[in-house]
PDB file of N, CA and C in Angstrom:
ATOM      1  N   VAL A   1       0.851  -1.169   0.000  1.00  0.00           N
ATOM      2  CA  VAL A   1       0.000   0.000   0.000  1.00  0.00           C
ATOM      3  C   VAL A   1       0.892   1.225   0.000  1.00  0.00           C
ATOM      4  N   THR A   2       0.637   2.156  -0.906  1.00  0.00           N
ATOM      5  CA  THR A   2       1.398   3.392  -0.977  1.00  0.00           C
ATOM      6  C   THR A   2       0.433   4.555  -1.031  1.00  0.00           C
ATOM      7  N   VAL A   3       0.659   5.562  -0.192  1.00  0.00           N
ATOM      8  CA  VAL A   3      -0.165   6.763  -0.176  1.00  0.00           C
ATOM      9  C   VAL A   3       0.763   7.949  -0.371  1.00  0.00           C
ATOM     10  N   THR A   4       0.452   8.825  -1.341  1.00  0.00           N
ATOM     11  CA  THR A   4       1.264  10.007  -1.605  1.00  0.00           C
ATOM     12  C   THR A   4       0.403  11.247  -1.556  1.00  0.00           C
ATOM     13  N   THR A   5       0.888  12.282  -0.886  1.00  0.00           N
ATOM     14  CA  THR A   5       0.225  13.583  -0.922  1.00  0.00           C
ATOM     15  C   THR A   5       1.281  14.662  -1.025  1.00  0.00           C
ATOM     16  N   SER A   6       0.903  15.763  -1.644  1.00  0.00           N
ATOM     17  CA  SER A   6       1.786  16.917  -1.755  1.00  0.00           C
ATOM     18  C   SER A   6       1.157  18.067  -1.007  1.00  0.00           C
ATOM     19  N   ASN A   7       2.009  18.962  -0.507  1.00  0.00           N
ATOM     20  CA  ASN A   7       1.470  20.091   0.227  1.00  0.00           C
ATOM     21  C   ASN A   7       2.554  21.121   0.462  1.00  0.00           C
ATOM     22  N   GLY A   8       2.116  22.349   0.613  1.00  0.00           N
ATOM     23  CA  GLY A   8       2.802  23.505   1.137  1.00  0.00           C
ATOM     24  C   GLY A   8       4.266  23.722   0.892  1.00  0.00           C
ATOM     25  N   GLY A   9       4.686  24.905   1.270  1.00  0.00           N
ATOM     26  CA  GLY A   9       6.078  25.262   1.355  1.00  0.00           C
ATOM     27  C   GLY A   9       6.802  25.528   0.063  1.00  0.00           C
ATOM     28  N   GLY A  10       7.651  26.524   0.090  1.00  0.00           N
ATOM     29  CA  GLY A  10       8.561  26.803  -1.007  1.00  0.00           C
ATOM     30  C   GLY A  10       7.884  27.059  -2.333  1.00  0.00           C
ATOM     31  N   ASP A  11       8.578  26.733  -3.410  1.00  0.00           N
ATOM     32  CA  ASP A  11       8.076  27.005  -4.746  1.00  0.00           C
ATOM     33  C   ASP A  11       7.490  25.777  -5.404  1.00  0.00           C
ATOM     34  N   GLY A  12       7.225  24.768  -4.684  1.00  0.00           N
ATOM     35  CA  GLY A  12       6.645  23.542  -5.216  1.00  0.00           C
ATOM     36  C   GLY A  12       6.322  22.584  -4.103  1.00  0.00           C
ATOM     37  N   GLY A  13       6.821  22.925  -2.921  1.00  0.00           N
ATOM     38  CA  GLY A  13       6.522  22.108  -1.753  1.00  0.00           C
ATOM     39  C   GLY A  13       7.217  20.774  -1.770  1.00  0.00           C
ATOM     40  N   CYS A  14       6.688  19.902  -0.971  1.00  0.00           N
ATOM     41  CA  CYS A  14       7.235  18.557  -0.866  1.00  0.00           C
ATOM     42  C   CYS A  14       6.085  17.568  -0.883  1.00  0.00           C
ATOM     43  N   ALA A  15       6.414  16.338  -1.149  1.00  0.00           N
ATOM     44  CA  ALA A  15       5.432  15.254  -1.157  1.00  0.00           C
ATOM     45  C   ALA A  15       5.914  14.171  -0.206  1.00  0.00           C
ATOM     46  N   ALA A  16       4.984  13.493   0.442  1.00  0.00           N
ATOM     47  CA  ALA A  16       5.312  12.384   1.333  1.00  0.00           C
ATOM     48  C   ALA A  16       4.612  11.130   0.837  1.00  0.00           C
ATOM     49  N   THR A  17       5.359  10.040   0.750  1.00  0.00           N
ATOM     50  CA  THR A  17       4.825   8.756   0.314  1.00  0.00           C
ATOM     51  C   THR A  17       5.083   7.727   1.400  1.00  0.00           C
ATOM     52  N   LEU A  18       4.020   7.119   1.932  1.00  0.00           N
ATOM     53  CA  LEU A  18       4.128   6.070   2.941  1.00  0.00           C
ATOM     54  C   LEU A  18       3.933   4.727   2.248  1.00  0.00           C
ATOM     55  N   THR A  19       4.889   3.815   2.413  1.00  0.00           N
ATOM     56  CA  THR A  19       4.805   2.500   1.787  1.00  0.00           C
ATOM     57  C   THR A  19       4.887   1.420   2.857  1.00  0.00           C
ATOM     58  N   ALA A  20       3.906   0.533   2.879  1.00  0.00           N
ATOM     59  CA  ALA A  20       3.914  -0.578   3.838  1.00  0.00           C
ATOM     60  C   ALA A  20       4.885  -1.641   3.342  1.00  0.00           C
ATOM     61  N   GLN A  21       5.959  -1.864   4.115  1.00  0.00           N
ATOM     62  CA  GLN A  21       6.950  -2.865   3.748  1.00  0.00           C
ATOM     63  C   GLN A  21       6.513  -4.259   4.177  1.00  0.00           C
ATOM     64  N   GLY A  22       5.887  -4.344   5.346  1.00  0.00           N
ATOM     65  CA  GLY A  22       5.451  -5.628   5.866  1.00  0.00           C
ATOM     66  C   GLY A  22       4.328  -5.448   6.863  1.00  0.00           C
ATOM     67  N   GLN A  23       3.449  -6.453   6.930  1.00  0.00           N
ATOM     68  CA  GLN A  23       2.322  -6.419   7.867  1.00  0.00           C
ATOM     69  C   GLN A  23       2.152  -7.796   8.492  1.00  0.00           C
ATOM     70  N   TRP A  24       1.655  -7.813   9.719  1.00  0.00           N
ATOM     71  CA  TRP A  24       1.273  -9.040  10.393  1.00  0.00           C
ATOM     72  C   TRP A  24       0.054  -8.740  11.223  1.00  0.00           C
ATOM     73  N   SER A  25      -0.479  -9.726  11.908  1.00  0.00           N
ATOM     74  CA  SER A  25      -1.789  -9.581  12.555  1.00  0.00           C
ATOM     75  C   SER A  25      -1.873  -8.414  13.531  1.00  0.00           C
ATOM     76  N   ASN A  26      -0.779  -8.098  14.227  1.00  0.00           N
ATOM     77  CA  ASN A  26      -0.859  -7.017  15.211  1.00  0.00           C
ATOM     78  C   ASN A  26       0.208  -5.940  15.019  1.00  0.00           C
ATOM     79  N   GLY A  27       0.677  -5.762  13.777  1.00  0.00           N
ATOM     80  CA  GLY A  27       1.654  -4.715  13.534  1.00  0.00           C
ATOM     81  C   GLY A  27       2.038  -4.579  12.081  1.00  0.00           C
ATOM     82  N   TYR A  28       2.919  -3.612  11.810  1.00  0.00           N
ATOM     83  CA  TYR A  28       3.376  -3.365  10.448  1.00  0.00           C
ATOM     84  C   TYR A  28       4.608  -2.464  10.473  1.00  0.00           C
ATOM     85  N   VAL A  29       5.301  -2.439   9.342  1.00  0.00           N
ATOM     86  CA  VAL A  29       6.439  -1.548   9.129  1.00  0.00           C
ATOM     87  C   VAL A  29       6.113  -0.678   7.925  1.00  0.00           C
ATOM     88  N   ILE A  30       6.240   0.628   8.107  1.00  0.00           N
ATOM     89  CA  ILE A  30       6.096   1.581   7.008  1.00  0.00           C
ATOM     90  C   ILE A  30       7.506   2.053   6.668  1.00  0.00           C
ATOM     91  N   GLN A  31       7.992   1.587   5.516  1.00  0.00           N
ATOM     92  CA  GLN A  31       9.338   1.925   5.068  1.00  0.00           C
ATOM     93  C   GLN A  31       9.456   1.614   3.597  1.00  0.00           C
ATOM     94  N   PRO A  32       9.927   2.502   2.793  1.00  0.00           N
ATOM     95  CA  PRO A  32      10.348   3.826   3.196  1.00  0.00           C
ATOM     96  C   PRO A  32       9.185   4.800   3.233  1.00  0.00           C
ATOM     97  N   VAL A  33       9.319   5.805   4.090  1.00  0.00           N
ATOM     98  CA  VAL A  33       8.517   7.008   3.951  1.00  0.00           C
ATOM     99  C   VAL A  33       9.416   7.934   3.148  1.00  0.00           C
ATOM    100  N   ARG A  34       9.002   8.272   1.962  1.00  0.00           N
ATOM    101  CA  ARG A  34       9.822   9.123   1.084  1.00  0.00           C
ATOM    102  C   ARG A  34       9.300  10.547   1.112  1.00  0.00           C
ATOM    103  N   VAL A  35      10.208  11.476   1.317  1.00  0.00           N
ATOM    104  CA  VAL A  35       9.894  12.902   1.256  1.00  0.00           C
ATOM    105  C   VAL A  35      10.624  13.434   0.027  1.00  0.00           C
ATOM    106  N   THR A  36       9.862  13.989  -0.922  1.00  0.00           N
ATOM    107  CA  THR A  36      10.439  14.468  -2.178  1.00  0.00           C
ATOM    108  C   THR A  36      10.270  15.974  -2.296  1.00  0.00           C
ATOM    109  N   ASN A  37      11.344  16.664  -2.661  1.00  0.00           N
ATOM    110  CA  ASN A  37      11.288  18.101  -2.914  1.00  0.00           C
ATOM    111  C   ASN A  37      10.775  18.297  -4.333  1.00  0.00           C
ATOM    112  N   ASN A  38       9.543  18.788  -4.467  1.00  0.00           N
ATOM    113  CA  ASN A  38       8.927  19.024  -5.771  1.00  0.00           C
ATOM    114  C   ASN A  38       9.258  20.387  -6.352  1.00  0.00           C
ATOM    115  N   GLY A  39      10.006  21.197  -5.634  1.00  0.00           N
ATOM    116  CA  GLY A  39      10.282  22.563  -6.059  1.00  0.00           C
ATOM    117  C   GLY A  39      11.528  22.691  -6.911  1.00  0.00           C
ATOM    118  N   THR A  40      11.857  23.929  -7.208  1.00  0.00           N
ATOM    119  CA  THR A  40      13.021  24.233  -8.034  1.00  0.00           C
ATOM    120  C   THR A  40      14.168  24.818  -7.220  1.00  0.00           C
ATOM    121  N   SER A  41      13.990  24.896  -5.901  1.00  0.00           N
ATOM    122  CA  SER A  41      15.074  25.345  -5.032  1.00  0.00           C
ATOM    123  C   SER A  41      15.203  24.392  -3.847  1.00  0.00           C
ATOM    124  N   THR A  42      16.371  24.388  -3.246  1.00  0.00           N
ATOM    125  CA  THR A  42      16.657  23.507  -2.115  1.00  0.00           C
ATOM    126  C   THR A  42      15.771  23.861  -0.928  1.00  0.00           C
ATOM    127  N   ILE A  43      15.273  22.835  -0.227  1.00  0.00           N
ATOM    128  CA  ILE A  43      14.536  23.059   1.016  1.00  0.00           C
ATOM    129  C   ILE A  43      15.418  22.636   2.183  1.00  0.00           C
ATOM    130  N   SER A  44      15.357  23.397   3.237  1.00  0.00           N
ATOM    131  CA  SER A  44      16.110  23.095   4.452  1.00  0.00           C
ATOM    132  C   SER A  44      15.115  22.766   5.540  1.00  0.00           C
ATOM    133  N   GLY A  45      14.747  21.510   5.611  1.00  0.00           N
ATOM    134  CA  GLY A  45      13.794  21.040   6.602  1.00  0.00           C
ATOM    135  C   GLY A  45      12.457  20.706   5.990  1.00  0.00           C
ATOM    136  N   TRP A  46      11.821  19.703   6.537  1.00  0.00           N
ATOM    137  CA  TRP A  46      10.489  19.291   6.127  1.00  0.00           C
ATOM    138  C   TRP A  46       9.752  18.721   7.335  1.00  0.00           C
ATOM    139  N   THR A  47       8.437  18.749   7.235  1.00  0.00           N
ATOM    140  CA  THR A  47       7.580  18.190   8.283  1.00  0.00           C
ATOM    141  C   THR A  47       6.514  17.342   7.618  1.00  0.00           C
ATOM    142  N   VAL A  48       6.403  16.104   8.047  1.00  0.00           N
ATOM    143  CA  VAL A  48       5.374  15.187   7.550  1.00  0.00           C
ATOM    144  C   VAL A  48       4.407  14.927   8.701  1.00  0.00           C
ATOM    145  N   THR A  49       3.106  15.038   8.408  1.00  0.00           N
ATOM    146  CA  THR A  49       2.076  14.804   9.416  1.00  0.00           C
ATOM    147  C   THR A  49       1.075  13.777   8.890  1.00  0.00           C
ATOM    148  N   PHE A  50       0.684  12.843   9.766  1.00  0.00           N
ATOM    149  CA  PHE A  50      -0.341  11.859   9.409  1.00  0.00           C
ATOM    150  C   PHE A  50      -1.021  11.384  10.682  1.00  0.00           C
ATOM    151  N   THR A  51      -2.125  10.682  10.509  1.00  0.00           N
ATOM    152  CA  THR A  51      -2.895  10.178  11.638  1.00  0.00           C
ATOM    153  C   THR A  51      -2.833   8.659  11.673  1.00  0.00           C
ATOM    154  N   LEU A  52      -2.529   8.118  12.851  1.00  0.00           N
ATOM    155  CA  LEU A  52      -2.577   6.678  13.051  1.00  0.00           C
ATOM    156  C   LEU A  52      -4.028   6.259  13.254  1.00  0.00           C
ATOM    157  N   PRO A  53      -4.434   5.109  12.728  1.00  0.00           N
ATOM    158  CA  PRO A  53      -5.782   4.616  13.011  1.00  0.00           C
ATOM    159  C   PRO A  53      -5.968   4.384  14.517  1.00  0.00           C
ATOM    160  N   ALA A  54      -7.194   4.422  14.969  1.00  0.00           N
ATOM    161  CA  ALA A  54      -7.506   4.219  16.391  1.00  0.00           C
ATOM    162  C   ALA A  54      -6.916   2.903  16.887  1.00  0.00           C
ATOM    163  N   GLY A  55      -6.279   2.954  18.049  1.00  0.00           N
ATOM    164  CA  GLY A  55      -5.710   1.773  18.667  1.00  0.00           C
ATOM    165  C   GLY A  55      -4.300   1.432  18.214  1.00  0.00           C
ATOM    166  N   HIS A  56      -3.771   2.153  17.238  1.00  0.00           N
ATOM    167  CA  HIS A  56      -2.414   1.907  16.744  1.00  0.00           C
ATOM    168  C   HIS A  56      -1.423   2.769  17.517  1.00  0.00           C
ATOM    169  N   SER A  57      -0.194   2.278  17.654  1.00  0.00           N
ATOM    170  CA  SER A  57       0.846   3.073  18.297  1.00  0.00           C
ATOM    171  C   SER A  57       2.196   2.756  17.667  1.00  0.00           C
ATOM    172  N   ILE A  58       3.048   3.761  17.589  1.00  0.00           N
ATOM    173  CA  ILE A  58       4.381   3.585  17.028  1.00  0.00           C
ATOM    174  C   ILE A  58       5.286   2.966  18.088  1.00  0.00           C
ATOM    175  N   THR A  59       5.986   1.905  17.698  1.00  0.00           N
ATOM    176  CA  THR A  59       6.863   1.199  18.628  1.00  0.00           C
ATOM    177  C   THR A  59       8.340   1.456  18.352  1.00  0.00           C
ATOM    178  N   GLY A  60       8.655   2.080  17.215  1.00  0.00           N
ATOM    179  CA  GLY A  60      10.030   2.410  16.879  1.00  0.00           C
ATOM    180  C   GLY A  60      10.075   3.212  15.596  1.00  0.00           C
ATOM    181  N   SER A  61      11.132   4.005  15.425  1.00  0.00           N
ATOM    182  CA  SER A  61      11.282   4.791  14.197  1.00  0.00           C
ATOM    183  C   SER A  61      12.755   5.027  13.927  1.00  0.00           C
ATOM    184  N   TRP A  62      13.073   5.406  12.693  1.00  0.00           N
ATOM    185  CA  TRP A  62      14.444   5.691  12.297  1.00  0.00           C
ATOM    186  C   TRP A  62      14.438   6.741  11.197  1.00  0.00           C
ATOM    187  N   GLY A  63      15.441   7.599  11.214  1.00  0.00           N
ATOM    188  CA  GLY A  63      15.626   8.592  10.171  1.00  0.00           C
ATOM    189  C   GLY A  63      14.755   9.832  10.276  1.00  0.00           C
ATOM    190  N   ALA A  64      14.042  10.007  11.381  1.00  0.00           N
ATOM    191  CA  ALA A  64      13.216  11.196  11.599  1.00  0.00           C
ATOM    192  C   ALA A  64      13.011  11.380  13.097  1.00  0.00           C
ATOM    193  N   THR A  65      12.704  12.606  13.483  1.00  0.00           N
ATOM    194  CA  THR A  65      12.341  12.897  14.861  1.00  0.00           C
ATOM    195  C   THR A  65      10.828  12.980  14.916  1.00  0.00           C
ATOM    196  N   LEU A  66      10.199  12.137  15.742  1.00  0.00           N
ATOM    197  CA  LEU A  66       8.744  12.080  15.810  1.00  0.00           C
ATOM    198  C   LEU A  66       8.209  12.744  17.061  1.00  0.00           C
ATOM    199  N   THR A  67       7.067  13.405  16.895  1.00  0.00           N
ATOM    200  CA  THR A  67       6.273  13.919  17.999  1.00  0.00           C
ATOM    201  C   THR A  67       4.892  13.323  17.818  1.00  0.00           C
ATOM    202  N   ILE A  68       4.347  12.733  18.875  1.00  0.00           N
ATOM    203  CA  ILE A  68       3.044  12.079  18.788  1.00  0.00           C
ATOM    204  C   ILE A  68       2.108  12.718  19.784  1.00  0.00           C
ATOM    205  N   SER A  69       0.945  13.142  19.309  1.00  0.00           N
ATOM    206  CA  SER A  69      -0.087  13.725  20.152  1.00  0.00           C
ATOM    207  C   SER A  69      -1.392  13.006  19.843  1.00  0.00           C
ATOM    208  N   GLY A  70      -1.820  12.148  20.761  1.00  0.00           N
ATOM    209  CA  GLY A  70      -2.987  11.321  20.472  1.00  0.00           C
ATOM    210  C   GLY A  70      -2.644  10.383  19.334  1.00  0.00           C
ATOM    211  N   GLN A  71      -3.394  10.460  18.243  1.00  0.00           N
ATOM    212  CA  GLN A  71      -3.136   9.626  17.074  1.00  0.00           C
ATOM    213  C   GLN A  71      -2.419  10.399  15.962  1.00  0.00           C
ATOM    214  N   THR A  72      -2.115  11.683  16.204  1.00  0.00           N
ATOM    215  CA  THR A  72      -1.444  12.507  15.193  1.00  0.00           C
ATOM    216  C   THR A  72       0.063  12.414  15.352  1.00  0.00           C
ATOM    217  N   VAL A  73       0.734  12.075  14.253  1.00  0.00           N
ATOM    218  CA  VAL A  73       2.191  11.938  14.243  1.00  0.00           C
ATOM    219  C   VAL A  73       2.778  13.063  13.398  1.00  0.00           C
ATOM    220  N   THR A  74       3.778  13.739  13.951  1.00  0.00           N
ATOM    221  CA  THR A  74       4.512  14.769  13.224  1.00  0.00           C
ATOM    222  C   THR A  74       5.965  14.328  13.167  1.00  0.00           C
ATOM    223  N   ALA A  75       6.509  14.217  11.954  1.00  0.00           N
ATOM    224  CA  ALA A  75       7.892  13.787  11.752  1.00  0.00           C
ATOM    225  C   ALA A  75       8.685  14.920  11.123  1.00  0.00           C
ATOM    226  N   ARG A  76       9.906  15.097  11.596  1.00  0.00           N
ATOM    227  CA  ARG A  76      10.800  16.107  11.040  1.00  0.00           C
ATOM    228  C   ARG A  76      12.112  15.452  10.644  1.00  0.00           C
ATOM    229  N   GLY A  77      12.685  15.943   9.560  1.00  0.00           N
ATOM    230  CA  GLY A  77      13.941  15.400   9.071  1.00  0.00           C
ATOM    231  C   GLY A  77      15.068  15.569  10.067  1.00  0.00           C
ATOM    232  N   VAL A  78      16.052  14.703   9.948  1.00  0.00           N
ATOM    233  CA  VAL A  78      17.255  14.788  10.772  1.00  0.00           C
ATOM    234  C   VAL A  78      18.423  15.167   9.854  1.00  0.00           C
ATOM    235  N   GLY A  79      19.589  15.366  10.409  1.00  0.00           N
ATOM    236  CA  GLY A  79      20.742  15.870   9.670  1.00  0.00           C
ATOM    237  C   GLY A  79      20.924  15.346   8.259  1.00  0.00           C
ATOM    238  N   HIS A  80      20.926  14.030   8.083  1.00  0.00           N
ATOM    239  CA  HIS A  80      21.255  13.458   6.786  1.00  0.00           C
ATOM    240  C   HIS A  80      20.134  13.529   5.748  1.00  0.00           C
ATOM    241  N   ASN A  81      18.907  13.842   6.149  1.00  0.00           N
ATOM    242  CA  ASN A  81      17.804  13.818   5.174  1.00  0.00           C
ATOM    243  C   ASN A  81      16.899  15.047   5.217  1.00  0.00           C
ATOM    244  N   SER A  82      17.287  16.081   5.947  1.00  0.00           N
ATOM    245  CA  SER A  82      16.384  17.224   6.086  1.00  0.00           C
ATOM    246  C   SER A  82      16.578  18.298   5.025  1.00  0.00           C
ATOM    247  N   THR A  83      17.753  18.376   4.425  1.00  0.00           N
ATOM    248  CA  THR A  83      17.987  19.338   3.351  1.00  0.00           C
ATOM    249  C   THR A  83      17.923  18.588   2.025  1.00  0.00           C
ATOM    250  N   LEU A  84      17.006  19.025   1.163  1.00  0.00           N
ATOM    251  CA  LEU A  84      16.789  18.325  -0.103  1.00  0.00           C
ATOM    252  C   LEU A  84      16.919  19.282  -1.280  1.00  0.00           C
ATOM    253  N   ALA A  85      17.766  18.926  -2.210  1.00  0.00           N
ATOM    254  CA  ALA A  85      17.902  19.683  -3.459  1.00  0.00           C
ATOM    255  C   ALA A  85      16.627  19.470  -4.289  1.00  0.00           C
ATOM    256  N   PRO A  86      16.396  20.287  -5.311  1.00  0.00           N
ATOM    257  CA  PRO A  86      15.236  20.078  -6.177  1.00  0.00           C
ATOM    258  C   PRO A  86      15.213  18.634  -6.700  1.00  0.00           C
ATOM    259  N   GLY A  87      14.084  17.982  -6.547  1.00  0.00           N
ATOM    260  CA  GLY A  87      13.949  16.590  -6.963  1.00  0.00           C
ATOM    261  C   GLY A  87      14.554  15.600  -5.986  1.00  0.00           C
ATOM    262  N   GLY A  88      15.197  16.103  -4.930  1.00  0.00           N
ATOM    263  CA  GLY A  88      15.848  15.239  -3.952  1.00  0.00           C
ATOM    264  C   GLY A  88      14.845  14.490  -3.084  1.00  0.00           C
ATOM    265  N   VAL A  89      15.302  13.362  -2.539  1.00  0.00           N
ATOM    266  CA  VAL A  89      14.448  12.495  -1.723  1.00  0.00           C
ATOM    267  C   VAL A  89      15.141  12.186  -0.404  1.00  0.00           C
ATOM    268  N   GLY A  90      14.394  12.292   0.695  1.00  0.00           N
ATOM    269  CA  GLY A  90      14.840  11.851   2.006  1.00  0.00           C
ATOM    270  C   GLY A  90      13.951  10.691   2.447  1.00  0.00           C
ATOM    271  N   GLU A  91      14.512   9.718   3.143  1.00  0.00           N
ATOM    272  CA  GLU A  91      13.730   8.551   3.559  1.00  0.00           C
ATOM    273  C   GLU A  91      13.840   8.326   5.054  1.00  0.00           C
ATOM    274  N   TRP A  92      12.767   7.749   5.612  1.00  0.00           N
ATOM    275  CA  TRP A  92      12.741   7.354   7.007  1.00  0.00           C
ATOM    276  C   TRP A  92      11.695   6.251   7.144  1.00  0.00           C
ATOM    277  N   GLY A  93      11.493   5.740   8.353  1.00  0.00           N
ATOM    278  CA  GLY A  93      10.512   4.678   8.525  1.00  0.00           C
ATOM    279  C   GLY A  93      10.093   4.509   9.973  1.00  0.00           C
ATOM    280  N   PHE A  94       9.090   3.644  10.164  1.00  0.00           N
ATOM    281  CA  PHE A  94       8.630   3.351  11.517  1.00  0.00           C
ATOM    282  C   PHE A  94       7.938   2.001  11.581  1.00  0.00           C
ATOM    283  N   GLN A  95       7.861   1.477  12.794  1.00  0.00           N
ATOM    284  CA  GLN A  95       7.127   0.246  13.077  1.00  0.00           C
ATOM    285  C   GLN A  95       6.003   0.596  14.020  1.00  0.00           C
ATOM    286  N   ALA A  96       4.855  -0.044  13.845  1.00  0.00           N
ATOM    287  CA  ALA A  96       3.698   0.241  14.693  1.00  0.00           C
ATOM    288  C   ALA A  96       3.003  -1.049  15.103  1.00  0.00           C
ATOM    289  N   SER A  97       2.329  -0.975  16.234  1.00  0.00           N
ATOM    290  CA  SER A  97       1.475  -2.078  16.674  1.00  0.00           C
ATOM    291  C   SER A  97       0.028  -1.674  16.438  1.00  0.00           C
ATOM    292  N   ARG A  98      -0.837  -2.671  16.347  1.00  0.00           N
ATOM    293  CA  ARG A  98      -2.266  -2.432  16.146  1.00  0.00           C
ATOM    294  C   ARG A  98      -3.038  -3.577  16.772  1.00  0.00           C
ATOM    295  N   PRO A  99      -4.335  -3.355  17.046  1.00  0.00           N
ATOM    296  CA  PRO A  99      -5.138  -4.438  17.614  1.00  0.00           C
ATOM    297  C   PRO A  99      -5.113  -5.659  16.688  1.00  0.00           C
ATOM    298  N   ASN A 100      -4.986  -6.824  17.264  1.00  0.00           N
ATOM    299  CA  ASN A 100      -4.923  -8.073  16.504  1.00  0.00           C
ATOM    300  C   ASN A 100      -6.060  -8.158  15.490  1.00  0.00           C
ATOM    301  N   GLY A 101      -5.718  -8.374  14.236  1.00  0.00           N
ATOM    302  CA  GLY A 101      -6.713  -8.519  13.182  1.00  0.00           C
ATOM    303  C   GLY A 101      -7.119  -7.214  12.508  1.00  0.00           C
ATOM    304  N   ASN A 102      -6.735  -6.073  13.065  1.00  0.00           N
ATOM    305  CA  ASN A 102      -7.054  -4.782  12.469  1.00  0.00           C
ATOM    306  C   ASN A 102      -6.113  -4.588  11.280  1.00  0.00           C
ATOM    307  N   THR A 103      -6.649  -4.354  10.092  1.00  0.00           N
ATOM    308  CA  THR A 103      -5.815  -4.230   8.899  1.00  0.00           C
ATOM    309  C   THR A 103      -5.615  -2.797   8.433  1.00  0.00           C
ATOM    310  N   ALA A 104      -6.101  -1.815   9.184  1.00  0.00           N
ATOM    311  CA  ALA A 104      -5.968  -0.407   8.792  1.00  0.00           C
ATOM    312  C   ALA A 104      -4.503   0.018   8.810  1.00  0.00           C
ATOM    313  N   LEU A 105      -4.176   0.969   7.936  1.00  0.00           N
ATOM    314  CA  LEU A 105      -2.846   1.563   7.879  1.00  0.00           C
ATOM    315  C   LEU A 105      -2.984   3.079   7.961  1.00  0.00           C
ATOM    316  N   PRO A 106      -1.935   3.788   8.404  1.00  0.00           N
ATOM    317  CA  PRO A 106      -2.011   5.246   8.480  1.00  0.00           C
ATOM    318  C   PRO A 106      -1.980   5.887   7.104  1.00  0.00           C
ATOM    319  N   GLY A 107      -2.434   7.121   7.067  1.00  0.00           N
ATOM    320  CA  GLY A 107      -2.379   7.890   5.831  1.00  0.00           C
ATOM    321  C   GLY A 107      -3.712   8.563   5.617  1.00  0.00           C
ATOM    322  N   PRO A 108      -3.780   9.488   4.728  1.00  0.00           N
ATOM    323  CA  PRO A 108      -2.660  10.016   3.954  1.00  0.00           C
ATOM    324  C   PRO A 108      -1.781  10.928   4.803  1.00  0.00           C
ATOM    325  N   ALA A 109      -0.637  11.270   4.241  1.00  0.00           N
ATOM    326  CA  ALA A 109       0.309  12.142   4.923  1.00  0.00           C
ATOM    327  C   ALA A 109       0.383  13.471   4.200  1.00  0.00           C
ATOM    328  N   SER A 110       0.630  14.538   4.967  1.00  0.00           N
ATOM    329  CA  SER A 110       0.879  15.842   4.353  1.00  0.00           C
ATOM    330  C   SER A 110       2.321  16.213   4.623  1.00  0.00           C
ATOM    331  N   CYS A 111       2.901  16.975   3.712  1.00  0.00           N
ATOM    332  CA  CYS A 111       4.283  17.395   3.835  1.00  0.00           C
ATOM    333  C   CYS A 111       4.366  18.900   3.657  1.00  0.00           C
ATOM    334  N   THR A 112       5.108  19.549   4.540  1.00  0.00           N
ATOM    335  CA  THR A 112       5.351  20.983   4.399  1.00  0.00           C
ATOM    336  C   THR A 112       6.848  21.224   4.543  1.00  0.00           C
ATOM    337  N   SER A 113       7.299  22.281   3.905  1.00  0.00           N
ATOM    338  CA  SER A 113       8.684  22.696   4.033  1.00  0.00           C
ATOM    339  C   SER A 113       8.690  24.203   4.271  1.00  0.00           C
ATOM    340  N   PRO A 114       9.702  24.685   5.026  1.00  0.00           N
ATOM    341  CA  PRO A 114       9.701  26.108   5.349  1.00  0.00           C
ATOM    342  C   PRO A 114       9.820  26.984   4.105  1.00  0.00           C
TER     343      PRO A 114
END
């Protein structure tokens, strides 16, 4: 499952794509989450926001700094992936748990850049 949305920032903004790498009865891995600079100038920093389905929780992440408030997740780039040249891509990922048998996945995601 892949969900892509584009939004805000700069002269073309950025897009975020969430791809489910693996799923099992009570969890899943979303990797890669790709952040793409759709603009014509370099962006220094990006923010991806999405909502986890009810009852889901993030159990680990890599390549981004996450802030979680209720079911809303806000991810920000870290040193190696936060500055993106035009057309550039930064990647990160996360693992989540969910109620046994629940097949819902998070998304869509919005992406903004300063």
